[in-house]
N, C-alpha and C. Protein backbone atom coordinates (compact mmCIF):
# COMPACT_ATOMS: atom_id res chain seq x y z
N GLY A 1 17.42 42.03 -31.15
CA GLY A 1 16.18 42.36 -31.00
C GLY A 1 16.53 44.18 -31.10
N GLN A 2 14.99 44.51 -30.91
CA GLN A 2 15.18 45.85 -31.06
C GLN A 2 14.42 46.47 -29.51
N ALA A 3 15.30 47.98 -29.45
CA ALA A 3 14.73 48.41 -28.04
C ALA A 3 13.67 49.77 -28.37
N ASN A 4 12.49 48.64 -27.46
CA ASN A 4 11.56 49.62 -27.24
C ASN A 4 11.57 51.22 -25.99
N GLU A 5 10.34 51.74 -25.97
CA GLU A 5 11.03 52.99 -25.29
C GLU A 5 10.99 52.41 -23.77
N ALA A 6 10.56 51.18 -23.05
CA ALA A 6 10.63 51.04 -21.86
C ALA A 6 11.78 50.44 -21.93
N PHE A 7 12.37 49.59 -22.77
CA PHE A 7 14.00 49.23 -22.45
C PHE A 7 14.91 50.66 -22.35
N ARG A 8 14.60 51.70 -23.56
CA ARG A 8 15.10 52.72 -23.44
C ARG A 8 15.21 53.18 -22.21
N ASN A 9 13.95 53.36 -21.34
CA ASN A 9 14.06 53.99 -20.33
C ASN A 9 14.74 52.98 -19.06
N LEU A 10 14.65 52.02 -19.08
CA LEU A 10 15.87 51.22 -18.29
C LEU A 10 16.96 51.63 -18.62
N MET A 11 17.33 51.44 -19.86
CA MET A 11 18.70 51.93 -20.35
C MET A 11 19.68 53.38 -19.35
N ALA A 12 18.05 54.06 -19.72
CA ALA A 12 18.43 55.70 -19.15
C ALA A 12 18.79 55.78 -18.11
N PHE A 13 18.01 55.29 -17.21
CA PHE A 13 18.39 54.65 -15.65
C PHE A 13 19.50 54.31 -14.93
N GLU A 14 19.89 53.30 -15.74
CA GLU A 14 20.96 52.25 -15.49
C GLU A 14 22.36 52.70 -15.37
N VAL A 15 22.06 53.65 -16.76
CA VAL A 15 23.41 54.61 -17.40
C VAL A 15 23.70 55.69 -16.22
N GLY A 16 22.54 56.38 -15.81
CA GLY A 16 22.63 57.64 -14.96
C GLY A 16 23.38 56.89 -13.08
N ARG A 17 22.45 55.87 -13.11
CA ARG A 17 23.30 55.11 -12.15
C ARG A 17 24.72 55.07 -12.34
N ALA A 18 25.18 54.22 -12.99
CA ALA A 18 26.62 53.36 -14.04
C ALA A 18 27.46 54.77 -13.58
N ARG A 19 26.65 56.19 -14.39
CA ARG A 19 27.70 57.34 -14.31
C ARG A 19 28.05 57.95 -12.81
N ALA A 20 27.50 57.57 -12.03
CA ALA A 20 27.57 58.10 -10.34
C ALA A 20 28.57 57.51 -9.99
N LEU A 21 28.37 56.30 -10.34
CA LEU A 21 29.33 55.08 -9.71
C LEU A 21 30.94 55.48 -10.30
N PHE A 22 30.95 55.40 -11.55
CA PHE A 22 32.32 56.06 -12.19
C PHE A 22 32.70 57.40 -11.60
N GLN A 23 31.94 57.86 -11.61
CA GLN A 23 32.53 59.48 -11.13
C GLN A 23 32.64 59.43 -9.42
N GLU A 24 32.14 58.63 -8.44
CA GLU A 24 32.50 58.29 -7.28
C GLU A 24 33.88 57.83 -7.52
N GLY A 25 34.28 56.63 -8.29
CA GLY A 25 35.44 55.88 -8.48
C GLY A 25 36.66 56.77 -8.82
N LEU A 26 36.39 57.51 -9.47
CA LEU A 26 37.00 58.96 -9.97
C LEU A 26 38.61 59.36 -8.90
N LYS A 27 37.57 59.32 -7.22
CA LYS A 27 38.12 59.73 -6.49
C LYS A 27 38.86 59.39 -5.63
N LEU A 28 38.72 57.77 -6.11
CA LEU A 28 39.62 56.82 -5.63
C LEU A 28 41.22 57.21 -6.23
N VAL A 29 41.24 57.48 -7.72
CA VAL A 29 42.52 57.38 -8.00
C VAL A 29 43.92 58.13 -7.60
N ARG A 30 43.51 59.40 -6.66
CA ARG A 30 44.24 59.96 -5.68
C ARG A 30 44.64 58.87 -4.65
N LEU A 31 44.01 58.15 -4.05
CA LEU A 31 44.32 56.92 -2.72
C LEU A 31 44.88 56.03 -2.99
N VAL A 32 45.06 55.34 -4.62
CA VAL A 32 45.95 54.32 -4.28
C VAL A 32 47.10 54.73 -4.85
N GLU A 33 48.06 53.91 -5.05
CA GLU A 33 49.76 53.93 -4.90
C GLU A 33 49.92 54.44 -6.94
N ARG A 34 50.59 55.02 -6.93
CA ARG A 34 50.84 55.55 -8.25
C ARG A 34 51.07 54.92 -9.31
N ASP A 35 51.55 53.47 -8.95
CA ASP A 35 51.54 52.75 -10.17
C ASP A 35 50.29 51.92 -10.85
N LEU A 36 49.34 52.39 -9.89
CA LEU A 36 47.69 52.37 -9.82
C LEU A 36 46.92 53.04 -10.84
N GLN A 37 47.35 54.31 -10.52
CA GLN A 37 46.67 55.35 -10.96
C GLN A 37 46.41 55.47 -12.23
N VAL A 38 47.36 55.09 -12.99
CA VAL A 38 46.70 55.28 -14.61
C VAL A 38 45.76 54.10 -15.09
N ASP A 39 45.64 52.84 -14.49
CA ASP A 39 45.05 51.83 -14.79
C ASP A 39 43.72 52.24 -14.33
N LEU A 40 43.39 52.62 -12.99
CA LEU A 40 42.15 53.01 -12.51
C LEU A 40 41.68 54.19 -13.18
N ARG A 41 42.10 55.27 -13.34
CA ARG A 41 41.36 56.38 -14.43
C ARG A 41 41.28 56.26 -15.81
N LEU A 42 42.21 54.77 -16.42
CA LEU A 42 41.58 54.42 -17.68
C LEU A 42 40.28 54.05 -17.80
N PHE A 43 40.44 52.62 -16.43
CA PHE A 43 38.89 52.00 -16.26
C PHE A 43 37.79 52.71 -16.08
N THR A 44 38.14 53.79 -15.53
CA THR A 44 36.88 54.74 -14.97
C THR A 44 36.70 56.14 -16.02
N LEU A 45 37.31 56.10 -16.82
CA LEU A 45 37.22 57.26 -18.06
C LEU A 45 36.67 56.52 -19.03
N GLY A 46 37.03 55.22 -19.45
CA GLY A 46 36.54 54.48 -20.15
C GLY A 46 35.21 54.12 -20.51
N GLY A 47 34.80 53.90 -19.47
CA GLY A 47 33.58 53.56 -18.66
C GLY A 47 32.66 54.64 -18.66
N LEU A 48 33.04 55.92 -18.22
CA LEU A 48 31.90 57.00 -18.75
C LEU A 48 32.04 57.33 -20.48
N LYS A 49 33.08 57.33 -20.76
CA LYS A 49 32.70 56.99 -22.54
C LYS A 49 32.02 56.28 -22.86
N VAL A 50 32.14 55.09 -22.65
CA VAL A 50 30.90 54.06 -23.22
C VAL A 50 30.02 54.53 -22.49
N LEU A 51 29.59 55.03 -21.45
CA LEU A 51 28.05 55.58 -21.15
C LEU A 51 27.64 56.79 -22.10
N ASP A 52 28.83 57.49 -22.53
CA ASP A 52 28.44 58.70 -23.80
C ASP A 52 27.84 57.95 -24.68
N ALA A 53 28.56 57.51 -24.88
CA ALA A 53 27.88 56.29 -26.76
C ALA A 53 26.70 55.64 -25.99
N ILE A 54 26.64 54.82 -25.22
CA ILE A 54 24.89 54.40 -25.14
C ILE A 54 24.14 55.66 -25.30
N GLU A 55 24.53 57.02 -24.67
CA GLU A 55 23.42 57.89 -24.54
C GLU A 55 22.88 58.66 -25.76
N ALA A 56 24.35 58.25 -26.73
CA ALA A 56 24.67 59.18 -28.08
C ALA A 56 23.98 58.39 -29.00
N GLN A 57 23.76 57.13 -28.68
CA GLN A 57 22.82 55.93 -29.55
C GLN A 57 21.50 55.84 -29.03
N GLY A 58 20.89 56.81 -28.29
CA GLY A 58 19.46 56.94 -27.56
C GLY A 58 19.18 55.83 -26.95
N TYR A 59 20.03 55.09 -26.10
CA TYR A 59 20.11 54.08 -25.40
C TYR A 59 19.87 52.60 -25.79
N ASP A 60 19.76 52.70 -27.39
CA ASP A 60 19.58 51.63 -27.89
C ASP A 60 20.95 50.50 -27.95
N VAL A 61 21.23 49.45 -27.32
CA VAL A 61 22.32 48.89 -27.28
C VAL A 61 21.90 47.53 -27.56
N LEU A 62 21.16 47.43 -28.39
CA LEU A 62 20.49 45.98 -29.04
C LEU A 62 21.13 45.99 -30.02
N SER A 63 20.61 46.82 -31.05
CA SER A 63 20.83 46.93 -32.48
C SER A 63 22.42 47.47 -32.71
N ARG A 64 23.15 48.10 -31.83
CA ARG A 64 24.45 48.04 -31.99
C ARG A 64 25.22 48.58 -30.93
N ARG A 65 26.32 47.97 -30.53
CA ARG A 65 27.03 47.56 -29.42
C ARG A 65 27.77 49.20 -29.54
N PRO A 66 27.46 49.78 -28.30
CA PRO A 66 28.49 51.09 -27.92
C PRO A 66 30.12 50.37 -28.08
N ALA A 67 30.76 51.62 -28.81
CA ALA A 67 32.61 51.40 -28.64
C ALA A 67 32.68 52.46 -28.82
N LEU A 68 34.59 52.49 -28.54
CA LEU A 68 35.13 53.91 -28.71
C LEU A 68 36.05 53.55 -29.98
N SER A 69 36.38 54.61 -30.40
CA SER A 69 37.16 54.56 -31.66
C SER A 69 38.85 54.91 -30.97
N ARG A 70 39.74 54.57 -31.77
CA ARG A 70 40.60 54.27 -31.53
C ARG A 70 41.67 55.84 -31.21
N TRP A 71 41.08 56.69 -31.73
CA TRP A 71 41.29 57.88 -31.65
C TRP A 71 41.06 58.14 -29.68
N GLN A 72 39.43 57.84 -29.33
CA GLN A 72 39.12 58.16 -28.26
C GLN A 72 40.22 57.34 -27.29
N LYS A 73 40.39 55.80 -27.61
CA LYS A 73 41.08 55.07 -26.70
C LYS A 73 42.32 56.00 -26.30
N GLY A 74 43.00 56.27 -27.43
CA GLY A 74 44.54 56.88 -27.23
C GLY A 74 44.32 58.52 -26.90
N ARG A 75 43.35 58.90 -27.00
CA ARG A 75 43.36 60.12 -25.99
C ARG A 75 43.31 59.85 -24.53
N MET A 76 42.56 59.42 -24.38
CA MET A 76 42.38 58.43 -22.61
C MET A 76 43.70 58.51 -22.04
N ALA A 77 44.52 57.54 -23.02
CA ALA A 77 45.39 56.84 -22.54
C ALA A 77 46.80 57.87 -22.57
N LEU A 78 46.82 58.81 -23.43
CA LEU A 78 47.89 60.25 -23.29
C LEU A 78 47.17 60.64 -22.17
N GLY A 79 45.89 61.70 -21.71
CA GLY A 79 45.62 61.99 -20.65
C GLY A 79 45.61 61.62 -19.32
N ALA A 80 45.72 59.81 -19.08
CA ALA A 80 46.24 59.69 -18.04
C ALA A 80 47.25 59.46 -17.91
N LEU A 81 48.34 59.17 -18.51
CA LEU A 81 49.70 59.28 -18.62
C LEU A 81 50.22 60.85 -18.50
N VAL A 82 49.55 61.70 -18.63
CA VAL A 82 49.90 63.10 -18.51
C VAL A 82 49.70 63.34 -17.24
N SER A 83 48.31 63.18 -17.03
CA SER A 83 48.01 63.79 -15.67
C SER A 83 48.91 62.92 -14.25
N LEU A 84 49.04 61.73 -14.71
CA LEU A 84 50.28 60.94 -13.99
C LEU A 84 51.65 61.71 -13.74
N LYS A 85 51.84 62.36 -14.91
CA LYS A 85 53.74 62.52 -14.50
C LYS A 85 53.17 64.19 -13.97
N LEU A 86 52.27 64.65 -14.16
CA LEU A 86 51.83 66.15 -13.75
C LEU A 86 51.57 65.95 -12.02
N GLY A 87 51.27 64.92 -11.48
CA GLY A 87 50.82 64.53 -10.42
C GLY A 87 49.30 65.04 -9.93
N LEU A 88 48.37 65.28 -11.14
CA LEU A 88 47.67 65.65 -10.49
C LEU A 88 46.35 64.32 -10.17
N GLY A 89 46.95 63.13 -10.44
CA GLY A 89 46.30 61.90 -9.47
C GLY A 89 45.99 62.09 -8.37
N ARG A 90 47.05 62.64 -7.48
CA ARG A 90 47.15 63.15 -6.37
C ARG A 90 46.67 64.26 -5.96
N ALA A 91 45.79 65.24 -6.89
CA ALA A 91 45.40 66.17 -6.52
C ALA A 91 43.78 65.98 -6.56
N GLY A 92 43.40 64.84 -7.16
CA GLY A 92 42.12 64.43 -7.65
C GLY A 92 41.80 64.82 -8.70
N PRO A 93 40.55 64.10 -9.47
CA PRO A 93 40.55 64.14 -10.96
C PRO A 93 40.19 65.52 -11.09
């Protein structure tokens, strides 16, 4: 299918809602057990990156699936591990 203006507007609204929820979720990282922090941080940051990808393609998720590159995934994983090692998860996002 093709994304018309109404669909793009709906997606923009939903991306905004989802972004707010993911950002609130980042606050949970410091509240969970240390062994869950990396997973929770990766899930949340991955979700935010996918939302960025949706925005970057003009909210058209019908003609092309938003995806993260291996580089982006690796960078997120490294960042989450480093923040855990430095204790940044306990201090907040």
